[in-house]
Amino acid sequence: MDPYYSDDSVTIYHGEALSILTRLNAGTVDAVVTDPPYSSGGMFRSDRVADPTAKYRGWSQNADGTTRAPTSDYATFAGDNRDQRTWMMWVQAWSMACLNVTKPGGHLFQFTDWRQLPATTDASQLVGWTWRGILVWDKGIGRPIKGRFRNHLEYVVWATLGHTETAEVYPSALIQVPTVSPNERQHLTQKPTQLLRALLSVVPGDNPMVLDPFMGSGTTLRAAKDLGHRCIGIEQDERNCEIAADRMAQEVLAL
């Protein structure tokens, strides 16, 4: 299995996640950190099956509603139009494959939104992960809706493969990091690198291995590399693989 990109600490594979996960070595990963398609992003079925560039067009807007970068500048992504039953079965399949390549005591961090949060916690436990908690990402922006709470949060389901060693840190479960500026964003739903570094802060050990089976533009890998970790990324869209490879070739950020 030839990588799309590799260097001393990073390996990127271009292809479908489940297919590649089944070919990775068992028990070699210390942390799985990933932001898979939510198959959410709409009130009605017709909304949820729309192309992601239409569903998540708000990601290209500033807080005042003005747009700096058209969504057509971002690659779309597949797998975001499943109904919840099929989506949960899909999550179980790749989550089990991730479990098989993770070391005992390894971590899972899976992003989700409020609609899929219950299904996400169920799916991780069904395949054998030990649910440890829910982390909250406060994005700092969210369109006001009269008479309703502002939707400015996303969630991370945190789990481990059984008992885990603890790192010498005391992080908060509330992580307040702004979204990536439209001028800097290279992926439709790109997460900020600072957010991923916060998640990885609880992973103990020297030079741990981090896996992201839905790497998008490579933010998890960028955060891991900046921290001196090894990392593996898998991505189905070749345009995103190219973006991620370019990001990995940049100098390591001095933290």
Foldseek 3Di string as FASTA:
>chain_A
DDFPDDDPFETEHAAALLVVLLVDDFAAAQEEEEEDQALDQDDDLVLSQDWPLVSLVCLQADQVGDGDDRSVLADTAPDRNDDLVVVLVVLLSSLLSVNRRHHAQGKYKYKYAPVCVVSNVVSNVVSQWAWDDKAKEQQPHFDDDPPDDGRRIIIITMTGRPHHDWDPDDDDSYHYDHADHSVPDHHSRDGALVVLLSVCRGRDDAQGEYEYSDQQLNSNVLSQVLVVHHYYYYHHDVVSVVNNNVSVPDDRDDD
